[in-house]
Amino acid sequence: MYYTFLETRNETEDTSFFSVIVGKFCFIFAQSIVSLFNSKVFTQENGFLKYDVLKDHIKNNGGSLFFFNCNQFPDFNCDNFACQGSHKTVLALNQLDKFEKIMKEKKEAFLKSGNLKSRMRLSLQSVFQSYLAANLENIETLRFRETNSHDDYLLEYTKKATELGKRPNTNASCFAYIRDSNGSDYDYFRTNTDFLNIEPCDFLQSVK
């Protein structure tokens, strides 16, 4: 299994590489959920959810909608099939906070644009929440005290990343760092973690 880390440089800025990638993923995720919902796979004629069907669908097909699954991008061509097949995403707590904020914005935008009746809107919200809960299980979080110093941030980030890699229940065979072409913390990350099998990922640099 791969553990993937996302670019940390300027990740707090709305125009950062991290924000652009997260925004695109969240949009595709929300759009896919709405399309599934509109297909009436999960709903009865009266608008109520078929919770057993939803549960089975997430169990059997939910992986295709995991956050940061690069296969969600149209015309995306990545040759790292091992990472595509099985990976977990690692986010620092501040990255997770930003991700959740962007996801909420995308989700609410789709809910408002759907012009749904109350019951159908509640059902769609339940589908969203079910998929969100399942997906959060596929994210590892690095928790450490926030600081205004990026140098201190990187020090804590790499320290927690190393601890994660050494954790007995971490079933990681390889590590990937999704880096920005316009300045990246990848070299620092590679130097200050003891991962022997860390590799950069540049495939998402074309995302706009």
N, C-alpha and C. Protein backbone atom coordinates (compact mmCIF):
# COMPACT_ATOMS: atom_id res chain seq x y z
N MET A 1 0.83 -1.20 0.00
CA MET A 1 0.00 0.00 0.00
C MET A 1 0.87 1.25 0.00
N TYR A 2 0.44 2.24 -0.78
CA TYR A 2 1.12 3.54 -0.80
C TYR A 2 0.51 4.47 0.25
N TYR A 3 1.35 5.30 0.85
CA TYR A 3 0.90 6.43 1.65
C TYR A 3 1.30 7.68 0.90
N THR A 4 0.33 8.54 0.59
CA THR A 4 0.61 9.71 -0.23
C THR A 4 0.50 10.98 0.61
N PHE A 5 1.49 11.84 0.46
CA PHE A 5 1.54 13.13 1.15
C PHE A 5 1.33 14.24 0.12
N LEU A 6 0.64 15.31 0.51
CA LEU A 6 0.37 16.41 -0.40
C LEU A 6 1.25 17.61 -0.07
N GLU A 7 1.58 18.34 -1.11
CA GLU A 7 2.46 19.50 -0.99
C GLU A 7 2.11 20.38 0.21
N THR A 8 3.13 20.73 0.99
CA THR A 8 2.93 21.55 2.18
C THR A 8 3.28 23.02 1.96
N ARG A 9 3.98 23.34 0.89
CA ARG A 9 4.37 24.74 0.69
C ARG A 9 3.16 25.59 0.33
N ASN A 10 2.97 26.67 1.07
CA ASN A 10 1.87 27.63 0.84
C ASN A 10 0.50 26.98 0.87
N GLU A 11 0.35 25.88 1.64
CA GLU A 11 -0.92 25.15 1.62
C GLU A 11 -2.06 25.94 2.23
N THR A 12 -1.76 27.01 2.96
CA THR A 12 -2.83 27.79 3.58
C THR A 12 -3.42 28.83 2.64
N GLU A 13 -2.79 29.07 1.50
CA GLU A 13 -3.28 30.06 0.56
C GLU A 13 -4.36 29.46 -0.34
N ASP A 14 -5.37 30.27 -0.67
CA ASP A 14 -6.49 29.78 -1.49
C ASP A 14 -6.05 29.45 -2.91
N THR A 15 -4.94 30.03 -3.37
CA THR A 15 -4.47 29.78 -4.73
C THR A 15 -3.32 28.78 -4.76
N SER A 16 -3.04 28.14 -3.63
CA SER A 16 -1.91 27.21 -3.56
C SER A 16 -2.19 25.95 -4.36
N PHE A 17 -1.13 25.23 -4.66
CA PHE A 17 -1.24 23.96 -5.36
C PHE A 17 -2.16 23.01 -4.60
N PHE A 18 -2.00 22.96 -3.28
CA PHE A 18 -2.84 22.11 -2.44
C PHE A 18 -4.31 22.48 -2.59
N SER A 19 -4.63 23.77 -2.52
CA SER A 19 -6.03 24.21 -2.60
C SER A 19 -6.64 23.89 -3.95
N VAL A 20 -5.86 24.05 -5.01
CA VAL A 20 -6.36 23.76 -6.36
C VAL A 20 -6.69 22.28 -6.51
N ILE A 21 -5.78 21.42 -6.06
CA ILE A 21 -6.01 19.98 -6.14
C ILE A 21 -7.22 19.57 -5.32
N VAL A 22 -7.28 20.05 -4.08
CA VAL A 22 -8.39 19.70 -3.20
C VAL A 22 -9.71 20.20 -3.78
N GLY A 23 -9.72 21.42 -4.30
CA GLY A 23 -10.94 21.97 -4.89
C GLY A 23 -11.44 21.13 -6.05
N LYS A 24 -10.51 20.66 -6.88
CA LYS A 24 -10.89 19.84 -8.02
C LYS A 24 -11.43 18.47 -7.58
N PHE A 25 -10.73 17.86 -6.64
CA PHE A 25 -11.19 16.57 -6.13
C PHE A 25 -12.57 16.69 -5.50
N CYS A 26 -12.77 17.73 -4.68
CA CYS A 26 -14.05 17.89 -4.00
C CYS A 26 -15.18 18.13 -5.00
N PHE A 27 -14.90 18.88 -6.05
CA PHE A 27 -15.93 19.13 -7.07
C PHE A 27 -16.31 17.83 -7.76
N ILE A 28 -15.31 17.05 -8.17
CA ILE A 28 -15.58 15.78 -8.85
C ILE A 28 -16.32 14.82 -7.93
N PHE A 29 -15.91 14.78 -6.67
CA PHE A 29 -16.56 13.91 -5.69
C PHE A 29 -18.04 14.29 -5.54
N ALA A 30 -18.31 15.58 -5.31
CA ALA A 30 -19.69 16.04 -5.12
C ALA A 30 -20.52 15.80 -6.37
N GLN A 31 -19.95 16.06 -7.53
CA GLN A 31 -20.65 15.84 -8.80
C GLN A 31 -21.00 14.37 -8.99
N SER A 32 -20.07 13.49 -8.63
CA SER A 32 -20.30 12.05 -8.77
C SER A 32 -21.40 11.56 -7.83
N ILE A 33 -21.42 12.10 -6.60
CA ILE A 33 -22.45 11.72 -5.64
C ILE A 33 -23.83 12.14 -6.14
N VAL A 34 -23.92 13.35 -6.66
CA VAL A 34 -25.19 13.84 -7.19
C VAL A 34 -25.65 12.99 -8.37
N SER A 35 -24.73 12.62 -9.25
CA SER A 35 -25.09 11.77 -10.40
C SER A 35 -25.60 10.41 -9.95
N LEU A 36 -24.93 9.83 -8.95
CA LEU A 36 -25.40 8.56 -8.40
C LEU A 36 -26.79 8.71 -7.80
N PHE A 37 -26.99 9.78 -7.07
CA PHE A 37 -28.28 10.01 -6.42
C PHE A 37 -29.38 10.19 -7.47
N ASN A 38 -29.09 10.94 -8.51
CA ASN A 38 -30.09 11.20 -9.55
C ASN A 38 -30.44 9.94 -10.35
N SER A 39 -29.55 8.95 -10.32
CA SER A 39 -29.84 7.68 -11.00
C SER A 39 -30.86 6.85 -10.24
N LYS A 40 -31.21 7.32 -9.01
CA LYS A 40 -32.21 6.67 -8.15
C LYS A 40 -31.79 5.28 -7.70
N VAL A 41 -30.50 5.03 -7.67
CA VAL A 41 -29.99 3.76 -7.18
C VAL A 41 -30.32 3.58 -5.71
N PHE A 42 -30.31 4.69 -4.95
CA PHE A 42 -30.44 4.61 -3.50
C PHE A 42 -31.82 4.99 -2.97
N THR A 43 -32.71 5.46 -3.82
CA THR A 43 -33.97 6.01 -3.31
C THR A 43 -35.19 5.22 -3.78
N GLN A 44 -36.20 5.22 -2.93
CA GLN A 44 -37.49 4.66 -3.28
C GLN A 44 -38.32 5.74 -3.98
N GLU A 45 -39.48 5.35 -4.48
CA GLU A 45 -40.33 6.30 -5.20
C GLU A 45 -40.74 7.48 -4.32
N ASN A 46 -40.88 7.24 -3.01
CA ASN A 46 -41.30 8.31 -2.10
C ASN A 46 -40.14 9.19 -1.64
N GLY A 47 -38.93 8.91 -2.16
CA GLY A 47 -37.78 9.74 -1.82
C GLY A 47 -36.95 9.24 -0.67
N PHE A 48 -37.46 8.24 0.07
CA PHE A 48 -36.70 7.70 1.19
C PHE A 48 -35.53 6.87 0.68
N LEU A 49 -34.47 6.85 1.46
CA LEU A 49 -33.28 6.10 1.06
C LEU A 49 -33.43 4.61 1.29
N LYS A 50 -32.80 3.83 0.43
CA LYS A 50 -32.63 2.41 0.64
C LYS A 50 -31.26 2.23 1.30
N TYR A 51 -31.25 2.28 2.63
CA TYR A 51 -29.97 2.32 3.34
C TYR A 51 -29.14 1.05 3.14
N ASP A 52 -29.81 -0.08 2.98
CA ASP A 52 -29.06 -1.31 2.76
C ASP A 52 -28.35 -1.28 1.41
N VAL A 53 -29.03 -0.72 0.40
CA VAL A 53 -28.42 -0.60 -0.93
C VAL A 53 -27.25 0.37 -0.89
N LEU A 54 -27.44 1.50 -0.19
CA LEU A 54 -26.37 2.49 -0.07
C LEU A 54 -25.15 1.89 0.63
N LYS A 55 -25.39 1.16 1.70
CA LYS A 55 -24.29 0.55 2.45
C LYS A 55 -23.51 -0.44 1.60
N ASP A 56 -24.24 -1.28 0.85
CA ASP A 56 -23.59 -2.26 -0.02
C ASP A 56 -22.82 -1.58 -1.15
N HIS A 57 -23.39 -0.50 -1.68
CA HIS A 57 -22.74 0.20 -2.79
C HIS A 57 -21.42 0.82 -2.34
N ILE A 58 -21.42 1.41 -1.15
CA ILE A 58 -20.19 2.00 -0.63
C ILE A 58 -19.14 0.92 -0.37
N LYS A 59 -19.60 -0.21 0.17
CA LYS A 59 -18.68 -1.31 0.47
C LYS A 59 -18.06 -1.87 -0.80
N ASN A 60 -18.84 -2.00 -1.86
CA ASN A 60 -18.38 -2.66 -3.08
C ASN A 60 -17.80 -1.71 -4.12
N ASN A 61 -18.24 -0.45 -4.10
CA ASN A 61 -17.82 0.48 -5.15
C ASN A 61 -17.26 1.80 -4.61
N GLY A 62 -17.26 1.94 -3.30
CA GLY A 62 -16.85 3.22 -2.72
C GLY A 62 -15.43 3.62 -3.01
N GLY A 63 -14.56 2.64 -3.27
CA GLY A 63 -13.16 2.96 -3.53
C GLY A 63 -12.96 3.87 -4.72
N SER A 64 -13.86 3.79 -5.70
CA SER A 64 -13.73 4.64 -6.89
C SER A 64 -13.96 6.10 -6.56
N LEU A 65 -14.58 6.37 -5.41
CA LEU A 65 -14.83 7.75 -5.00
C LEU A 65 -14.00 8.14 -3.77
N PHE A 66 -12.96 7.36 -3.47
CA PHE A 66 -12.10 7.76 -2.36
C PHE A 66 -11.45 9.10 -2.68
N PHE A 67 -11.28 9.91 -1.65
CA PHE A 67 -10.63 11.20 -1.85
C PHE A 67 -9.23 11.01 -2.42
N PHE A 68 -8.86 11.88 -3.34
CA PHE A 68 -7.54 11.88 -3.95
C PHE A 68 -7.25 10.61 -4.73
N ASN A 69 -8.32 10.02 -5.28
CA ASN A 69 -8.16 8.92 -6.23
C ASN A 69 -7.98 9.55 -7.60
N CYS A 70 -6.78 9.46 -8.14
CA CYS A 70 -6.45 10.17 -9.38
C CYS A 70 -7.27 9.68 -10.57
N ASN A 71 -7.82 8.48 -10.47
CA ASN A 71 -8.62 7.96 -11.57
C ASN A 71 -9.91 8.76 -11.78
N GLN A 72 -10.26 9.61 -10.81
CA GLN A 72 -11.46 10.43 -10.96
C GLN A 72 -11.28 11.52 -12.01
N PHE A 73 -10.03 11.87 -12.31
CA PHE A 73 -9.79 12.91 -13.30
C PHE A 73 -9.96 12.37 -14.71
N PRO A 74 -10.74 13.05 -15.55
CA PRO A 74 -10.85 12.61 -16.95
C PRO A 74 -9.52 12.83 -17.67
N ASP A 75 -9.18 11.91 -18.54
CA ASP A 75 -7.96 11.99 -19.35
C ASP A 75 -6.70 12.05 -18.49
N PHE A 76 -6.77 11.50 -17.29
CA PHE A 76 -5.59 11.49 -16.42
C PHE A 76 -4.82 10.21 -16.67
N ASN A 77 -3.52 10.37 -16.88
CA ASN A 77 -2.71 9.21 -17.25
C ASN A 77 -1.54 9.05 -16.28
N CYS A 78 -1.74 8.19 -15.29
CA CYS A 78 -0.69 7.91 -14.31
C CYS A 78 -0.25 6.46 -14.49
N ASP A 79 1.06 6.24 -14.53
CA ASP A 79 1.55 4.87 -14.75
C ASP A 79 1.91 4.15 -13.45
N ASN A 80 1.59 4.78 -12.30
CA ASN A 80 1.86 4.12 -11.02
C ASN A 80 0.63 3.32 -10.61
N PHE A 81 0.52 2.14 -11.17
CA PHE A 81 -0.68 1.32 -10.95
C PHE A 81 -0.77 0.80 -9.52
N ALA A 82 0.38 0.61 -8.88
CA ALA A 82 0.37 0.13 -7.50
C ALA A 82 -0.26 1.17 -6.57
N CYS A 83 0.07 2.44 -6.79
CA CYS A 83 -0.51 3.51 -5.98
C CYS A 83 -1.99 3.67 -6.28
N GLN A 84 -2.36 3.59 -7.55
CA GLN A 84 -3.77 3.68 -7.93
C GLN A 84 -4.58 2.57 -7.27
N GLY A 85 -3.98 1.40 -7.18
CA GLY A 85 -4.72 0.25 -6.67
C GLY A 85 -4.95 0.28 -5.18
N SER A 86 -4.02 0.86 -4.42
CA SER A 86 -4.17 0.85 -2.97
C SER A 86 -3.31 1.95 -2.35
N HIS A 87 -3.97 2.99 -1.83
CA HIS A 87 -3.22 4.03 -1.14
C HIS A 87 -4.08 4.74 -0.10
N LYS A 88 -3.41 5.31 0.87
CA LYS A 88 -4.04 6.18 1.85
C LYS A 88 -3.44 7.57 1.71
N THR A 89 -4.26 8.58 1.95
CA THR A 89 -3.79 9.96 1.88
C THR A 89 -3.46 10.45 3.28
N VAL A 90 -2.33 11.13 3.40
CA VAL A 90 -1.88 11.66 4.68
C VAL A 90 -2.01 13.18 4.64
N LEU A 91 -2.75 13.74 5.59
CA LEU A 91 -2.93 15.19 5.66
C LEU A 91 -2.54 15.69 7.05
N ALA A 92 -1.85 16.82 7.08
CA ALA A 92 -1.65 17.50 8.36
C ALA A 92 -3.00 18.04 8.80
N LEU A 93 -3.14 18.31 10.09
CA LEU A 93 -4.43 18.73 10.62
C LEU A 93 -4.93 20.00 9.94
N ASN A 94 -4.04 20.96 9.66
CA ASN A 94 -4.48 22.19 8.99
C ASN A 94 -4.90 21.92 7.55
N GLN A 95 -4.27 20.93 6.91
CA GLN A 95 -4.68 20.55 5.57
C GLN A 95 -6.06 19.89 5.60
N LEU A 96 -6.28 19.06 6.61
CA LEU A 96 -7.58 18.41 6.75
C LEU A 96 -8.68 19.45 6.99
N ASP A 97 -8.39 20.45 7.81
CA ASP A 97 -9.37 21.52 8.07
C ASP A 97 -9.73 22.25 6.78
N LYS A 98 -8.73 22.54 5.97
CA LYS A 98 -8.99 23.23 4.71
C LYS A 98 -9.76 22.33 3.75
N PHE A 99 -9.39 21.07 3.72
CA PHE A 99 -10.09 20.11 2.88
C PHE A 99 -11.57 20.03 3.25
N GLU A 100 -11.86 19.94 4.55
CA GLU A 100 -13.25 19.83 5.00
C GLU A 100 -14.02 21.11 4.68
N LYS A 101 -13.38 22.26 4.77
CA LYS A 101 -14.02 23.53 4.43
C LYS A 101 -14.39 23.57 2.95
N ILE A 102 -13.45 23.17 2.09
CA ILE A 102 -13.70 23.18 0.65
C ILE A 102 -14.78 22.16 0.28
N MET A 103 -14.72 20.98 0.90
CA MET A 103 -15.74 19.97 0.62
C MET A 103 -17.12 20.46 1.01
N LYS A 104 -17.23 21.12 2.14
CA LYS A 104 -18.52 21.66 2.57
C LYS A 104 -19.05 22.67 1.57
N GLU A 105 -18.17 23.53 1.05
CA GLU A 105 -18.58 24.55 0.08
C GLU A 105 -19.09 23.89 -1.20
N LYS A 106 -18.37 22.89 -1.69
CA LYS A 106 -18.78 22.21 -2.93
C LYS A 106 -20.09 21.46 -2.73
N LYS A 107 -20.20 20.79 -1.59
CA LYS A 107 -21.42 20.01 -1.30
C LYS A 107 -22.63 20.93 -1.23
N GLU A 108 -22.51 22.03 -0.50
CA GLU A 108 -23.65 22.94 -0.34
C GLU A 108 -24.02 23.61 -1.66
N ALA A 109 -23.03 23.86 -2.51
CA ALA A 109 -23.31 24.45 -3.82
C ALA A 109 -24.17 23.51 -4.66
N PHE A 110 -23.86 22.22 -4.62
CA PHE A 110 -24.65 21.24 -5.37
C PHE A 110 -26.04 21.08 -4.76
N LEU A 111 -26.13 21.11 -3.44
CA LEU A 111 -27.43 20.98 -2.78
C LEU A 111 -28.34 22.15 -3.13
N LYS A 112 -27.78 23.34 -3.18
CA LYS A 112 -28.58 24.53 -3.48
C LYS A 112 -29.01 24.56 -4.94
N SER A 113 -28.15 24.07 -5.81
CA SER A 113 -28.46 24.13 -7.24
C SER A 113 -29.42 23.04 -7.69
N GLY A 114 -29.64 22.04 -6.83
CA GLY A 114 -30.49 20.91 -7.22
C GLY A 114 -31.97 21.20 -7.21
N ASN A 115 -32.39 22.26 -6.52
CA ASN A 115 -33.81 22.62 -6.43
C ASN A 115 -34.66 21.41 -6.01
N LEU A 116 -34.21 20.73 -4.95
CA LEU A 116 -34.87 19.51 -4.50
C LEU A 116 -35.92 19.80 -3.44
N LYS A 117 -36.92 18.95 -3.39
CA LYS A 117 -37.88 19.03 -2.31
C LYS A 117 -37.21 18.57 -1.01
N SER A 118 -37.82 18.93 0.10
CA SER A 118 -37.21 18.72 1.40
C SER A 118 -36.76 17.28 1.63
N ARG A 119 -37.63 16.32 1.33
CA ARG A 119 -37.30 14.91 1.59
C ARG A 119 -36.13 14.45 0.74
N MET A 120 -36.13 14.83 -0.55
CA MET A 120 -35.06 14.43 -1.44
C MET A 120 -33.75 15.11 -1.05
N ARG A 121 -33.84 16.33 -0.59
CA ARG A 121 -32.64 17.05 -0.16
C ARG A 121 -32.00 16.36 1.05
N LEU A 122 -32.86 15.95 2.00
CA LEU A 122 -32.36 15.24 3.17
C LEU A 122 -31.73 13.90 2.78
N SER A 123 -32.34 13.23 1.83
CA SER A 123 -31.79 11.95 1.36
C SER A 123 -30.43 12.15 0.71
N LEU A 124 -30.31 13.20 -0.12
CA LEU A 124 -29.03 13.48 -0.76
C LEU A 124 -27.97 13.84 0.28
N GLN A 125 -28.35 14.59 1.29
CA GLN A 125 -27.41 14.91 2.37
C GLN A 125 -26.94 13.64 3.08
N SER A 126 -27.83 12.69 3.27
CA SER A 126 -27.47 11.43 3.91
C SER A 126 -26.48 10.63 3.07
N VAL A 127 -26.68 10.66 1.75
CA VAL A 127 -25.75 9.97 0.85
C VAL A 127 -24.36 10.62 0.95
N PHE A 128 -24.34 11.94 0.92
CA PHE A 128 -23.08 12.66 1.07
C PHE A 128 -22.38 12.25 2.36
N GLN A 129 -23.11 12.30 3.47
CA GLN A 129 -22.51 12.03 4.76
C GLN A 129 -22.01 10.59 4.86
N SER A 130 -22.73 9.65 4.25
CA SER A 130 -22.31 8.26 4.28
C SER A 130 -21.00 8.06 3.53
N TYR A 131 -20.88 8.69 2.37
CA TYR A 131 -19.65 8.58 1.60
C TYR A 131 -18.50 9.33 2.27
N LEU A 132 -18.81 10.48 2.85
CA LEU A 132 -17.77 11.24 3.55
C LEU A 132 -17.21 10.45 4.72
N ALA A 133 -18.08 9.82 5.49
CA ALA A 133 -17.64 9.03 6.63
C ALA A 133 -16.76 7.87 6.19
N ALA A 134 -17.16 7.19 5.12
CA ALA A 134 -16.38 6.07 4.61
C ALA A 134 -15.01 6.54 4.11
N ASN A 135 -14.98 7.71 3.48
CA ASN A 135 -13.74 8.21 2.93
C ASN A 135 -12.77 8.70 3.99
N LEU A 136 -13.29 9.25 5.06
CA LEU A 136 -12.40 9.75 6.11
C LEU A 136 -11.60 8.62 6.74
N GLU A 137 -12.12 7.40 6.64
CA GLU A 137 -11.37 6.25 7.14
C GLU A 137 -10.14 5.97 6.30
N ASN A 138 -10.09 6.55 5.10
CA ASN A 138 -8.97 6.34 4.19
C ASN A 138 -7.95 7.47 4.27
N ILE A 139 -8.09 8.33 5.28
CA ILE A 139 -7.18 9.44 5.47
C ILE A 139 -6.47 9.30 6.81
N GLU A 140 -5.16 9.45 6.78
CA GLU A 140 -4.37 9.50 8.01
C GLU A 140 -4.07 10.97 8.33
N THR A 141 -4.16 11.35 9.59
CA THR A 141 -3.97 12.75 9.98
C THR A 141 -2.72 12.90 10.84
N LEU A 142 -1.89 13.88 10.47
CA LEU A 142 -0.72 14.22 11.27
C LEU A 142 -1.12 15.37 12.19
N ARG A 143 -1.10 15.13 13.47
CA ARG A 143 -1.55 16.13 14.45
C ARG A 143 -0.35 16.70 15.22
N PHE A 144 -0.21 18.01 15.14
CA PHE A 144 0.84 18.69 15.91
C PHE A 144 0.45 20.15 16.09
N ARG A 145 1.11 20.81 17.01
CA ARG A 145 0.78 22.18 17.35
C ARG A 145 1.09 23.11 16.17
N GLU A 146 0.12 23.97 15.82
CA GLU A 146 0.32 24.90 14.71
C GLU A 146 1.31 25.98 15.09
N THR A 147 2.02 26.48 14.08
CA THR A 147 3.00 27.53 14.29
C THR A 147 3.00 28.46 13.08
N ASN A 148 3.39 29.69 13.30
CA ASN A 148 3.48 30.66 12.20
C ASN A 148 4.77 30.52 11.40
N SER A 149 5.69 29.75 11.93
CA SER A 149 6.97 29.54 11.25
C SER A 149 6.87 28.30 10.36
N HIS A 150 7.11 28.50 9.06
CA HIS A 150 7.03 27.35 8.16
C HIS A 150 8.15 26.35 8.43
N ASP A 151 9.30 26.86 8.86
CA ASP A 151 10.41 25.95 9.20
C ASP A 151 10.02 25.04 10.36
N ASP A 152 9.40 25.63 11.38
CA ASP A 152 8.95 24.83 12.53
C ASP A 152 7.85 23.86 12.11
N TYR A 153 6.99 24.33 11.21
CA TYR A 153 5.90 23.48 10.70
C TYR A 153 6.48 22.24 10.00
N LEU A 154 7.48 22.46 9.13
CA LEU A 154 8.08 21.34 8.41
C LEU A 154 8.78 20.37 9.36
N LEU A 155 9.40 20.93 10.38
CA LEU A 155 10.08 20.07 11.35
C LEU A 155 9.09 19.14 12.03
N GLU A 156 7.96 19.68 12.48
CA GLU A 156 6.94 18.87 13.13
C GLU A 156 6.28 17.93 12.14
N TYR A 157 6.06 18.41 10.92
CA TYR A 157 5.41 17.60 9.88
C TYR A 157 6.23 16.34 9.58
N THR A 158 7.52 16.52 9.35
CA THR A 158 8.37 15.37 9.02
C THR A 158 8.54 14.44 10.22
N LYS A 159 8.55 15.03 11.41
CA LYS A 159 8.64 14.21 12.61
C LYS A 159 7.43 13.30 12.73
N LYS A 160 6.23 13.86 12.55
CA LYS A 160 5.00 13.07 12.66
C LYS A 160 4.88 12.08 11.50
N ALA A 161 5.35 12.47 10.33
CA ALA A 161 5.31 11.56 9.18
C ALA A 161 6.19 10.34 9.44
N THR A 162 7.37 10.58 10.01
CA THR A 162 8.28 9.48 10.33
C THR A 162 7.66 8.55 11.37
N GLU A 163 7.01 9.14 12.37
CA GLU A 163 6.34 8.33 13.40
C GLU A 163 5.24 7.47 12.78
N LEU A 164 4.51 8.06 11.84
CA LEU A 164 3.46 7.31 11.16
C LEU A 164 4.05 6.12 10.41
N GLY A 165 5.16 6.35 9.71
CA GLY A 165 5.78 5.28 8.95
C GLY A 165 6.28 4.14 9.80
N LYS A 166 6.63 4.44 11.06
CA LYS A 166 7.15 3.41 11.96
C LYS A 166 6.05 2.74 12.78
N ARG A 167 4.83 3.25 12.69
CA ARG A 167 3.74 2.68 13.48
C ARG A 167 3.50 1.22 13.08
N PRO A 168 3.35 0.33 14.04
CA PRO A 168 3.21 -1.10 13.72
C PRO A 168 2.04 -1.41 12.78
N ASN A 169 0.94 -0.65 12.90
CA ASN A 169 -0.22 -0.95 12.07
C ASN A 169 -0.22 -0.19 10.76
N THR A 170 0.88 0.50 10.45
CA THR A 170 0.99 1.18 9.16
C THR A 170 1.45 0.18 8.12
N ASN A 171 0.54 -0.18 7.24
CA ASN A 171 0.84 -1.20 6.24
C ASN A 171 1.30 -0.53 4.94
N ALA A 172 2.39 0.22 5.03
CA ALA A 172 2.87 0.98 3.87
C ALA A 172 4.09 0.29 3.26
N SER A 173 4.03 0.07 1.95
CA SER A 173 5.18 -0.48 1.24
C SER A 173 5.96 0.62 0.54
N CYS A 174 5.28 1.72 0.20
CA CYS A 174 5.92 2.84 -0.48
C CYS A 174 5.26 4.14 -0.04
N PHE A 175 5.97 5.25 -0.26
CA PHE A 175 5.46 6.56 0.07
C PHE A 175 5.61 7.47 -1.15
N ALA A 176 4.60 8.30 -1.38
CA ALA A 176 4.64 9.24 -2.50
C ALA A 176 4.34 10.64 -1.99
N TYR A 177 5.02 11.63 -2.55
CA TYR A 177 4.82 13.03 -2.18
C TYR A 177 4.37 13.78 -3.42
N ILE A 178 3.14 14.25 -3.41
CA ILE A 178 2.57 14.97 -4.56
C ILE A 178 3.08 16.40 -4.49
N ARG A 179 3.95 16.77 -5.42
CA ARG A 179 4.65 18.05 -5.30
C ARG A 179 4.23 19.05 -6.38
N ASP A 180 4.46 20.31 -6.04
CA ASP A 180 4.17 21.44 -6.92
C ASP A 180 5.39 21.72 -7.78
N SER A 181 5.16 22.12 -9.01
CA SER A 181 6.27 22.46 -9.91
C SER A 181 6.81 23.85 -9.63
N ASN A 182 6.02 24.69 -8.93
CA ASN A 182 6.43 26.07 -8.68
C ASN A 182 6.96 26.25 -7.25
N GLY A 183 7.83 25.34 -6.84
CA GLY A 183 8.38 25.40 -5.50
C GLY A 183 7.76 24.33 -4.64
N SER A 184 8.60 23.49 -4.04
CA SER A 184 8.09 22.35 -3.29
C SER A 184 8.93 22.10 -2.06
N ASP A 185 8.30 21.53 -1.04
CA ASP A 185 9.00 21.10 0.18
C ASP A 185 9.46 19.66 0.07
N TYR A 186 9.38 19.06 -1.11
CA TYR A 186 9.69 17.64 -1.26
C TYR A 186 11.11 17.30 -0.82
N ASP A 187 12.10 18.10 -1.24
CA ASP A 187 13.50 17.80 -0.90
C ASP A 187 13.70 17.79 0.61
N TYR A 188 13.07 18.73 1.30
CA TYR A 188 13.18 18.76 2.76
C TYR A 188 12.52 17.52 3.35
N PHE A 189 11.36 17.16 2.82
CA PHE A 189 10.63 15.99 3.31
C PHE A 189 11.46 14.73 3.12
N ARG A 190 12.04 14.58 1.95
CA ARG A 190 12.84 13.38 1.66
C ARG A 190 14.07 13.30 2.56
N THR A 191 14.70 14.45 2.80
CA THR A 191 15.92 14.48 3.60
C THR A 191 15.65 14.24 5.09
N ASN A 192 14.50 14.72 5.57
CA ASN A 192 14.25 14.72 7.01
C ASN A 192 13.28 13.63 7.47
N THR A 193 12.94 12.72 6.59
CA THR A 193 12.25 11.50 6.99
C THR A 193 13.18 10.34 6.66
N ASP A 194 12.98 9.22 7.30
CA ASP A 194 13.87 8.09 7.04
C ASP A 194 13.23 7.07 6.10
N PHE A 195 12.33 7.55 5.23
CA PHE A 195 11.69 6.66 4.27
C PHE A 195 12.68 6.33 3.15
N LEU A 196 12.99 5.08 3.00
CA LEU A 196 13.90 4.68 1.93
C LEU A 196 13.19 4.56 0.59
N ASN A 197 11.88 4.36 0.65
CA ASN A 197 11.11 4.14 -0.58
C ASN A 197 10.13 5.29 -0.82
N ILE A 198 10.63 6.54 -0.73
CA ILE A 198 9.81 7.71 -1.00
C ILE A 198 10.07 8.18 -2.42
N GLU A 199 9.02 8.55 -3.12
CA GLU A 199 9.18 9.01 -4.49
C GLU A 199 8.26 10.20 -4.73
N PRO A 200 8.68 11.14 -5.60
CA PRO A 200 7.83 12.29 -5.91
C PRO A 200 6.76 11.92 -6.92
N CYS A 201 5.63 12.59 -6.83
CA CYS A 201 4.56 12.41 -7.81
C CYS A 201 4.30 13.78 -8.45
N ASP A 202 4.44 13.85 -9.77
CA ASP A 202 4.25 15.11 -10.50
C ASP A 202 3.03 15.08 -11.41
N PHE A 203 2.25 14.01 -11.35
CA PHE A 203 1.16 13.85 -12.30
C PHE A 203 0.03 14.85 -12.12
N LEU A 204 -0.10 15.42 -10.93
CA LEU A 204 -1.22 16.35 -10.68
C LEU A 204 -0.84 17.81 -10.93
N GLN A 205 0.35 18.05 -11.43
CA GLN A 205 0.77 19.42 -11.68
C GLN A 205 -0.01 20.09 -12.82
N SER A 206 -0.66 19.29 -13.64
CA SER A 206 -1.44 19.85 -14.75
C SER A 206 -2.85 20.21 -14.34
N VAL A 207 -3.24 19.89 -13.10
CA VAL A 207 -4.60 20.19 -12.64
C VAL A 207 -4.77 21.69 -12.49
N LYS A 208 -5.85 22.22 -13.04
CA LYS A 208 -6.14 23.66 -12.97
C LYS A 208 -7.48 23.89 -12.30
